[in-house]
Amino acid sequence: MSECPSLPKCLFFNDKMANKPATANLMKTKYCQTDNSQCARWKVAQAKLPTGVPPDLFPNEMEKALELLNQ
């Protein structure tokens, strides 16, 4: 896969999230620049929920994303 199409507006990728972990660059490479299909933020964005993507949702929080999608 290639870069995620949401990169320009993604809060995580553009360092706009509070309390971003030191491992953020590793996550960016894995979820944003290589394979966005496993990114929790991408999954929620694709569902087009009325609330949108929570600003504190990290790419590796798929369980949290699934909870949001099942509400």
Foldseek 3Di string as FASTA:
>chain_A
DAFDPCQVPQCLNVVNAPPDDPCSVVQCVVCGGPPVPQFLLVLQQVVVDVVHRPSHGGGNPNVVSVVVVVD
